[in-house]
Every structure is written in structure tokens, then in C-alpha cells.
Amino acid sequence: MELLLSIVFDPEVDPEPAERLTRQLRAEIEELDIESVGPAPAETAPDGAKGTDAVTLGAVVVALSASSGVFTTLIETLRDWLSRHSARHRISLTIDGDTIELERASAAERQELVDAYVRRHTGG
């Protein structure tokens, strides 16, 4: 299973801290039992564009094994990462065109959304 993970940073966060946060999250994901994690292919920037936009900066492709337990562990890692950062960051996950956005919602709201999303992609 391959998924696109995109971090949508708080608009107040500058590119350098955003890049550091992206590297930190990638390092946490790499500790999981996954096949690979790497930057998403960047879209071609328009002529005259300066630097990388925030969405491209926080875009990561994660390849998971067929084990549904790894997917659930990844979701929990992302939720934990969001809870440790007080800024208004969001993370979206896209699998085969199906996207869920994780943000600072109540624990019950997040759990309900995550459970439904995991069931759709694990057959559970």
C-alpha cells in the first residue's frame, strides 16, 4: 500500500522550521515497520517561483507492507506528532484518491474518523 502524506503547516510557520518538522516526522515514520518513506515528487514550479511551497515541503510518500497493523501504527504516530505540536498544523493522508485530514479535533472525533478510514483501507 502506498499513501501520500501531506503536512499543511500553520500559516505562521516559516519554511525553515517547517522543513525541520517534516524531517522529524519522517524520522519517526522511518522507525516504523514500513517499506519506505521519501519526499513526494515535486510539481514543476512556475518560471520565476522562489523556493518550495509549504505543501510540497511537507509532502511525503509512504509505502506500507500489507499488514494492517502497520497502517494503524502509522495513524497513531501521526496523531501523536500532531498532539505534540501546539501550532495549527494538519496532516492529510491520501490512498487511492481517498483522503482523510487529521487535525486538532477532540479525541473522540479523531478516533471516530480514524477508525472509519482504517476500516476502509484494511478491510476491517
C-alpha atoms as a PDB file:
ATOM      1  CA  MET A   1       0.000   0.000   0.000  1.00  0.00           C
ATOM      2  CA  GLU A   2       1.318   3.439  -0.880  1.00  0.00           C
ATOM      3  CA  LEU A   3      -0.028   6.648   0.564  1.00  0.00           C
ATOM      4  CA  LEU A   4       0.633  10.343   0.192  1.00  0.00           C
ATOM      5  CA  LEU A   5       1.055  12.169   3.462  1.00  0.00           C
ATOM      6  CA  SER A   6       0.871  15.974   3.318  1.00  0.00           C
ATOM      7  CA  ILE A   7       1.562  18.280   6.215  1.00  0.00           C
ATOM      8  CA  VAL A   8      -0.311  21.561   5.964  1.00  0.00           C
ATOM      9  CA  PHE A   9       1.629  23.865   8.217  1.00  0.00           C
ATOM     10  CA  ASP A  10       0.280  26.711  10.309  1.00  0.00           C
ATOM     11  CA  PRO A  11       0.477  29.804   8.065  1.00  0.00           C
ATOM     12  CA  GLU A  12       2.647  31.466  10.722  1.00  0.00           C
ATOM     13  CA  VAL A  13       5.409  28.842  10.368  1.00  0.00           C
ATOM     14  CA  ASP A  14       8.379  29.835   8.221  1.00  0.00           C
ATOM     15  CA  PRO A  15       9.845  27.389   5.657  1.00  0.00           C
ATOM     16  CA  GLU A  16      12.950  26.516   7.709  1.00  0.00           C
ATOM     17  CA  PRO A  17      11.042  25.322  10.818  1.00  0.00           C
ATOM     18  CA  ALA A  18       8.512  23.609   8.535  1.00  0.00           C
ATOM     19  CA  GLU A  19      11.324  21.686   6.848  1.00  0.00           C
ATOM     20  CA  ARG A  20      12.732  20.690  10.263  1.00  0.00           C
ATOM     21  CA  LEU A  21       9.290  19.476  11.400  1.00  0.00           C
ATOM     22  CA  THR A  22       8.922  17.462   8.184  1.00  0.00           C
ATOM     23  CA  ARG A  23      12.312  15.798   8.769  1.00  0.00           C
ATOM     24  CA  GLN A  24      11.332  14.999  12.379  1.00  0.00           C
ATOM     25  CA  LEU A  25       8.080  13.380  11.300  1.00  0.00           C
ATOM     26  CA  ARG A  26       9.840  11.405   8.547  1.00  0.00           C
ATOM     27  CA  ALA A  27      12.354  10.139  11.117  1.00  0.00           C
ATOM     28  CA  GLU A  28       9.518   8.959  13.359  1.00  0.00           C
ATOM     29  CA  ILE A  29       7.830   7.212  10.429  1.00  0.00           C
ATOM     30  CA  GLU A  30      11.117   5.545   9.425  1.00  0.00           C
ATOM     31  CA  GLU A  31      11.218   3.891  12.861  1.00  0.00           C
ATOM     32  CA  LEU A  32       8.027   2.000  11.999  1.00  0.00           C
ATOM     33  CA  ASP A  33       7.953  -1.320  10.143  1.00  0.00           C
ATOM     34  CA  ILE A  34       7.381   0.286   6.734  1.00  0.00           C
ATOM     35  CA  GLU A  35       8.820  -0.431   3.298  1.00  0.00           C
ATOM     36  CA  SER A  36       9.915   3.130   2.525  1.00  0.00           C
ATOM     37  CA  VAL A  37       9.335   6.813   3.141  1.00  0.00           C
ATOM     38  CA  GLY A  38      10.528   9.656   0.977  1.00  0.00           C
ATOM     39  CA  PRO A  39       9.664  13.062  -0.369  1.00  0.00           C
ATOM     40  CA  ALA A  40       6.761  13.237  -2.788  1.00  0.00           C
ATOM     41  CA  PRO A  41       7.694  14.102  -6.349  1.00  0.00           C
ATOM     42  CA  ALA A  42       7.639  17.888  -6.600  1.00  0.00           C
ATOM     43  CA  GLU A  43       5.398  19.519  -9.121  1.00  0.00           C
ATOM     44  CA  THR A  44       7.147  21.716 -11.653  1.00  0.00           C
ATOM     45  CA  ALA A  45       7.398  25.228 -10.258  1.00  0.00           C
ATOM     46  CA  PRO A  46       6.275  28.113 -12.445  1.00  0.00           C
ATOM     47  CA  ASP A  47       9.008  30.225 -14.026  1.00  0.00           C
ATOM     48  CA  GLY A  48      10.274  32.802 -11.556  1.00  0.00           C
ATOM     49  CA  ALA A  49       8.995  30.931  -8.485  1.00  0.00           C
ATOM     50  CA  LYS A  50      11.241  31.152  -5.452  1.00  0.00           C
ATOM     51  CA  GLY A  51      11.714  28.200  -3.145  1.00  0.00           C
ATOM     52  CA  THR A  52       9.383  25.367  -2.328  1.00  0.00           C
ATOM     53  CA  ASP A  53       5.784  25.918  -1.359  1.00  0.00           C
ATOM     54  CA  ALA A  54       4.622  24.696   2.042  1.00  0.00           C
ATOM     55  CA  VAL A  55       2.541  21.836   0.643  1.00  0.00           C
ATOM     56  CA  THR A  56       5.420  20.432  -1.442  1.00  0.00           C
ATOM     57  CA  LEU A  57       7.755  20.846   1.522  1.00  0.00           C
ATOM     58  CA  GLY A  58       5.530  18.716   3.747  1.00  0.00           C
ATOM     59  CA  ALA A  59       4.576  16.071   1.154  1.00  0.00           C
ATOM     60  CA  VAL A  60       5.851  12.551   1.811  1.00  0.00           C
ATOM     61  CA  VAL A  61       5.169   9.208   0.124  1.00  0.00           C
ATOM     62  CA  VAL A  62       4.976   6.229   2.482  1.00  0.00           C
ATOM     63  CA  ALA A  63       4.957   2.614   1.258  1.00  0.00           C
ATOM     64  CA  LEU A  64       3.499   0.154   3.743  1.00  0.00           C
ATOM     65  CA  SER A  65       3.529  -3.614   3.830  1.00  0.00           C
ATOM     66  CA  ALA A  66       0.225  -5.459   3.549  1.00  0.00           C
ATOM     67  CA  SER A  67      -0.046  -5.690   7.328  1.00  0.00           C
ATOM     68  CA  SER A  68      -2.937  -3.588   8.612  1.00  0.00           C
ATOM     69  CA  GLY A  69      -1.182  -3.244  11.956  1.00  0.00           C
ATOM     70  CA  VAL A  70       1.493  -1.078  10.357  1.00  0.00           C
ATOM     71  CA  PHE A  71      -1.159   1.252   8.935  1.00  0.00           C
ATOM     72  CA  THR A  72      -2.813   1.626  12.334  1.00  0.00           C
ATOM     73  CA  THR A  73       0.578   2.299  13.936  1.00  0.00           C
ATOM     74  CA  LEU A  74       1.309   4.967  11.318  1.00  0.00           C
ATOM     75  CA  ILE A  75      -2.012   6.690  12.071  1.00  0.00           C
ATOM     76  CA  GLU A  76      -1.248   6.655  15.791  1.00  0.00           C
ATOM     77  CA  THR A  77       2.238   8.092  15.125  1.00  0.00           C
ATOM     78  CA  LEU A  78       0.726  10.936  13.104  1.00  0.00           C
ATOM     79  CA  ARG A  79      -1.872  11.672  15.773  1.00  0.00           C
ATOM     80  CA  ASP A  80       0.833  11.698  18.436  1.00  0.00           C
ATOM     81  CA  TRP A  81       3.000  14.051  16.350  1.00  0.00           C
ATOM     82  CA  LEU A  82       0.076  16.457  15.931  1.00  0.00           C
ATOM     83  CA  SER A  83      -0.690  16.409  19.649  1.00  0.00           C
ATOM     84  CA  ARG A  84       2.923  17.378  20.485  1.00  0.00           C
ATOM     85  CA  HIS A  85       2.845  20.499  18.299  1.00  0.00           C
ATOM     86  CA  SER A  86       0.756  23.392  19.523  1.00  0.00           C
ATOM     87  CA  ALA A  87       0.559  25.146  16.155  1.00  0.00           C
ATOM     88  CA  ARG A  88      -2.364  24.743  13.780  1.00  0.00           C
ATOM     89  CA  HIS A  89      -0.783  22.051  11.618  1.00  0.00           C
ATOM     90  CA  ARG A  90      -2.881  19.453   9.784  1.00  0.00           C
ATOM     91  CA  ILE A  91      -1.917  16.197   8.119  1.00  0.00           C
ATOM     92  CA  SER A  92      -3.784  14.720   5.190  1.00  0.00           C
ATOM     93  CA  LEU A  93      -3.421  11.106   4.082  1.00  0.00           C
ATOM     94  CA  THR A  94      -4.461  10.005   0.610  1.00  0.00           C
ATOM     95  CA  ILE A  95      -4.792   6.402  -0.529  1.00  0.00           C
ATOM     96  CA  ASP A  96      -6.201   5.733  -3.997  1.00  0.00           C
ATOM     97  CA  GLY A  97      -7.909   9.136  -4.066  1.00  0.00           C
ATOM     98  CA  ASP A  98      -9.472   8.713  -0.601  1.00  0.00           C
ATOM     99  CA  THR A  99      -8.243  11.464   1.750  1.00  0.00           C
ATOM    100  CA  ILE A 100      -8.572  11.977   5.473  1.00  0.00           C
ATOM    101  CA  GLU A 101      -7.363  15.099   7.234  1.00  0.00           C
ATOM    102  CA  LEU A 102      -6.074  14.877  10.780  1.00  0.00           C
ATOM    103  CA  GLU A 103      -6.018  17.986  12.924  1.00  0.00           C
ATOM    104  CA  ARG A 104      -6.510  19.089  16.472  1.00  0.00           C
ATOM    105  CA  ALA A 105     -10.058  17.806  16.971  1.00  0.00           C
ATOM    106  CA  SER A 106     -11.371  16.251  20.141  1.00  0.00           C
ATOM    107  CA  ALA A 107     -10.002  12.802  20.897  1.00  0.00           C
ATOM    108  CA  ALA A 108     -13.413  11.197  20.294  1.00  0.00           C
ATOM    109  CA  GLU A 109     -13.863  12.959  16.927  1.00  0.00           C
ATOM    110  CA  ARG A 110     -10.399  11.961  15.760  1.00  0.00           C
ATOM    111  CA  GLN A 111     -10.878   8.377  16.882  1.00  0.00           C
ATOM    112  CA  GLU A 112     -14.175   8.026  15.026  1.00  0.00           C
ATOM    113  CA  LEU A 113     -12.740   9.433  11.775  1.00  0.00           C
ATOM    114  CA  VAL A 114      -9.553   7.396  12.004  1.00  0.00           C
ATOM    115  CA  ASP A 115     -11.394   4.152  12.784  1.00  0.00           C
ATOM    116  CA  ALA A 116     -13.650   4.571   9.733  1.00  0.00           C
ATOM    117  CA  TYR A 117     -10.665   5.384   7.489  1.00  0.00           C
ATOM    118  CA  VAL A 118      -8.631   2.417   8.740  1.00  0.00           C
ATOM    119  CA  ARG A 119     -11.599   0.076   8.199  1.00  0.00           C
ATOM    120  CA  ARG A 120     -11.946   1.268   4.584  1.00  0.00           C
ATOM    121  CA  HIS A 121      -8.287   0.521   3.824  1.00  0.00           C
ATOM    122  CA  THR A 122      -7.737  -2.644   5.833  1.00  0.00           C
ATOM    123  CA  GLY A 123     -10.934  -4.498   5.078  1.00  0.00           C
ATOM    124  CA  GLY A 124     -11.756  -4.483   8.797  1.00  0.00           C
END
